[in-house]
Amino acid sequence: MTGFRNAVKFLRLWAVVLAFAVLVLPTLGSGDPSNSNERFNKLGHQIMCSCGCGQILLECNHVGCPASDGMRQELRAAMEANSSDKAVYDVFIQKYGPVIMAAPVFHGFNILAWVLPFAVLLVGSLAAASLIYMWKRRNLRQLPAPPPPLSGAMRDRIRRETEV
C-alpha cells in the first residue's frame, strides 16, 4: 500500500511541475514593456523610413540609407524626452507628416481608412446575396409551346428545298 501512496505522491508532484511549465514558462522573457529596447522596437516598427523605400524604420536595409540612422537617433531622443508613445508618434507626425506612420492613426478622417474596406466588403456581400436571392425567386416566363410536329408533305418539301 505504501508503494501505491508513493506513486500517487510522485504523480501529483509531476502534475504540479507540468502545470507550472504550461502556465509559467511561456511568459518567461516577456519582460516589462517599459524596457527601453522593447519600447524602441515597438515604436520603431510603427514608423516608416522617410527615404522613400516603403520599409519600416527598423527594417530599412539600404546600404548607406540617408534617413534611417538619423531617424533612429531621433526616435531615441524622442523616447527620452517624452514619456508616452503617443507623444513620440506626435513628434514624428509633426516633423514628417501622417504618412510616416506604418498604419493610419485611428483619428479624424483616417477613420475612413479603417472602416471603409469593411464597409465595402459588407455592402458588396449584401448586394451579391440579394442578387442571388432575386435570381432564385423570380418567376421564369413561360417558355413558348413547342412547334407542332411536321407533316410528311412538309418534310418532303424541306428535303427538296435543302438539297444541294
Protein backbone atom coordinates (compact mmCIF):
# COMPACT_ATOMS: atom_id res chain seq x y z
CA MET A 1 0.00 0.00 0.00
CA THR A 2 2.86 2.39 0.70
CA GLY A 3 4.15 1.84 -2.82
CA PHE A 4 0.79 2.99 -4.20
CA ARG A 5 0.84 6.11 -2.00
CA ASN A 6 4.36 6.93 -3.13
CA ALA A 7 3.29 6.57 -6.75
CA VAL A 8 0.32 8.90 -6.16
CA LYS A 9 2.60 11.49 -4.49
CA PHE A 10 5.04 11.18 -7.37
CA LEU A 11 2.25 11.71 -9.93
CA ARG A 12 0.94 14.72 -8.01
CA LEU A 13 4.42 16.23 -7.96
CA TRP A 14 4.73 15.74 -11.72
CA ALA A 15 1.26 17.24 -12.24
CA VAL A 16 2.34 20.37 -10.36
CA VAL A 17 5.58 20.58 -12.34
CA LEU A 18 3.68 20.16 -15.60
CA ALA A 19 1.12 22.80 -14.59
CA PHE A 20 3.98 25.14 -13.72
CA ALA A 21 5.61 24.51 -17.08
CA VAL A 22 2.39 25.09 -19.01
CA LEU A 23 1.36 28.22 -17.12
CA VAL A 24 4.61 29.97 -16.26
CA LEU A 25 7.25 29.06 -18.80
CA PRO A 26 5.52 30.69 -21.81
CA THR A 27 5.60 34.03 -20.00
CA LEU A 28 9.33 33.95 -19.41
CA GLY A 29 11.08 36.56 -21.48
CA SER A 30 8.01 38.72 -21.88
CA GLY A 31 9.60 41.48 -19.91
CA ASP A 32 8.34 44.84 -18.84
CA PRO A 33 7.10 46.90 -21.81
CA SER A 34 8.69 49.98 -20.26
CA ASN A 35 12.09 48.44 -21.07
CA SER A 36 13.76 50.91 -23.43
CA ASN A 37 14.91 48.33 -26.01
CA GLU A 38 11.47 46.74 -26.22
CA ARG A 39 9.83 50.15 -26.42
CA PHE A 40 12.32 51.22 -29.09
CA ASN A 41 11.47 48.10 -31.14
CA LYS A 42 7.75 48.64 -30.67
CA LEU A 43 7.86 52.30 -31.68
CA GLY A 44 10.38 51.73 -34.48
CA HIS A 45 8.10 49.13 -36.08
CA GLN A 46 5.20 51.61 -36.16
CA ILE A 47 7.15 54.27 -38.08
CA MET A 48 8.14 54.21 -41.77
CA CYS A 49 11.57 55.20 -43.08
CA SER A 50 11.43 58.59 -44.80
CA CYS A 51 13.92 57.72 -47.58
CA GLY A 52 11.08 56.55 -49.82
CA CYS A 53 11.87 52.83 -49.66
CA GLY A 54 8.48 51.99 -48.15
CA GLN A 55 10.01 49.92 -45.35
CA ILE A 56 9.56 50.05 -41.60
CA LEU A 57 12.17 52.26 -39.92
CA LEU A 58 13.94 49.47 -38.03
CA GLU A 59 13.88 47.18 -41.06
CA CYS A 60 15.23 49.62 -43.66
CA ASN A 61 18.14 47.71 -45.18
CA HIS A 62 19.53 50.17 -47.69
CA VAL A 63 23.30 50.37 -47.66
CA GLY A 64 24.07 53.94 -46.71
CA CYS A 65 20.40 54.93 -46.26
CA PRO A 66 20.39 58.72 -45.83
CA ALA A 67 17.43 58.74 -43.45
CA SER A 68 17.23 55.64 -41.26
CA ASP A 69 20.23 56.28 -38.97
CA GLY A 70 19.15 59.84 -38.26
CA MET A 71 15.55 58.80 -37.69
CA ARG A 72 16.64 56.09 -35.25
CA GLN A 73 18.59 58.70 -33.29
CA GLU A 74 15.54 60.99 -33.38
CA LEU A 75 13.43 58.12 -32.07
CA ARG A 76 15.82 57.54 -29.14
CA ALA A 77 15.82 61.27 -28.37
CA ALA A 78 12.03 61.47 -28.58
CA MET A 79 11.73 58.44 -26.29
CA GLU A 80 13.96 60.11 -23.71
CA ALA A 81 12.11 63.43 -23.96
CA ASN A 82 8.56 62.05 -23.95
CA SER A 83 7.06 59.55 -21.56
CA SER A 84 4.16 58.31 -23.69
CA ASP A 85 4.19 56.51 -27.02
CA LYS A 86 1.59 58.91 -28.41
CA ALA A 87 3.86 61.86 -27.68
CA VAL A 88 6.70 60.15 -29.57
CA TYR A 89 4.40 59.47 -32.52
CA ASP A 90 3.23 63.08 -32.43
CA VAL A 91 6.83 64.28 -32.73
CA PHE A 92 7.35 62.23 -35.88
CA ILE A 93 3.95 63.14 -37.34
CA GLN A 94 4.65 66.82 -36.74
CA LYS A 95 8.04 66.61 -38.47
CA TYR A 96 7.31 64.19 -41.35
CA GLY A 97 3.53 64.25 -41.67
CA PRO A 98 0.98 61.48 -41.09
CA VAL A 99 2.45 59.34 -43.89
CA ILE A 100 5.34 58.47 -41.60
CA MET A 101 3.13 56.11 -39.61
CA ALA A 102 3.10 52.47 -40.74
CA ALA A 103 -0.65 52.29 -40.13
CA PRO A 104 -3.09 55.20 -40.24
CA VAL A 105 -3.89 56.74 -36.90
CA PHE A 106 -7.46 55.99 -35.78
CA HIS A 107 -8.50 59.64 -35.59
CA GLY A 108 -10.43 62.11 -37.71
CA PHE A 109 -10.52 61.49 -41.44
CA ASN A 110 -8.18 58.47 -41.08
CA ILE A 111 -11.07 56.54 -39.56
CA LEU A 112 -12.22 56.03 -43.17
CA ALA A 113 -9.02 54.10 -43.90
CA TRP A 114 -10.00 51.64 -41.16
CA VAL A 115 -13.76 51.48 -41.72
CA LEU A 116 -14.18 51.80 -45.50
CA PRO A 117 -12.70 48.42 -46.55
CA PHE A 118 -15.01 46.56 -44.17
CA ALA A 119 -18.00 48.66 -45.24
CA VAL A 120 -17.32 47.99 -48.93
CA LEU A 121 -16.96 44.27 -48.22
CA LEU A 122 -20.24 44.26 -46.30
CA VAL A 123 -22.15 46.22 -48.96
CA GLY A 124 -20.73 44.04 -51.75
CA SER A 125 -21.64 40.85 -49.90
CA LEU A 126 -25.16 42.09 -49.26
CA ALA A 127 -25.56 43.13 -52.89
CA ALA A 128 -24.36 39.74 -54.15
CA ALA A 129 -26.62 37.90 -51.69
CA SER A 130 -29.67 39.97 -52.67
CA LEU A 131 -28.94 39.45 -56.37
CA ILE A 132 -28.71 35.69 -55.89
CA TYR A 133 -31.90 35.76 -53.83
CA MET A 134 -33.73 37.69 -56.56
CA TRP A 135 -32.50 35.30 -59.24
CA LYS A 136 -33.72 32.33 -57.28
CA ARG A 137 -37.13 33.87 -56.53
CA ARG A 138 -38.00 35.33 -59.91
CA ASN A 139 -40.74 33.73 -61.94
CA LEU A 140 -39.41 32.41 -65.14
CA ARG A 141 -41.55 33.35 -68.10
CA GLN A 142 -43.38 30.53 -69.66
CA LEU A 143 -41.43 29.04 -72.47
CA PRO A 144 -43.27 29.08 -75.79
CA ALA A 145 -45.03 25.90 -76.68
CA PRO A 146 -43.04 23.58 -78.88
CA PRO A 147 -43.96 23.75 -82.56
CA PRO A 148 -46.41 21.15 -83.83
CA PRO A 149 -44.90 18.06 -85.38
CA LEU A 150 -44.22 18.33 -89.09
CA SER A 151 -46.44 16.53 -91.55
CA GLY A 152 -44.99 14.14 -94.13
CA ALA A 153 -45.66 16.60 -97.01
CA MET A 154 -43.85 19.37 -95.17
CA ARG A 155 -40.83 17.13 -94.53
CA ASP A 156 -40.63 16.22 -98.22
CA ARG A 157 -40.76 19.90 -99.18
CA ILE A 158 -37.98 20.75 -96.70
CA ARG A 159 -35.75 17.96 -98.08
CA ARG A 160 -36.28 19.13 -101.68
CA GLU A 161 -35.55 22.76 -100.87
CA THR A 162 -32.43 21.99 -98.89
CA GLU A 163 -30.82 19.53 -101.29
CA VAL A 164 -27.80 20.79 -102.99
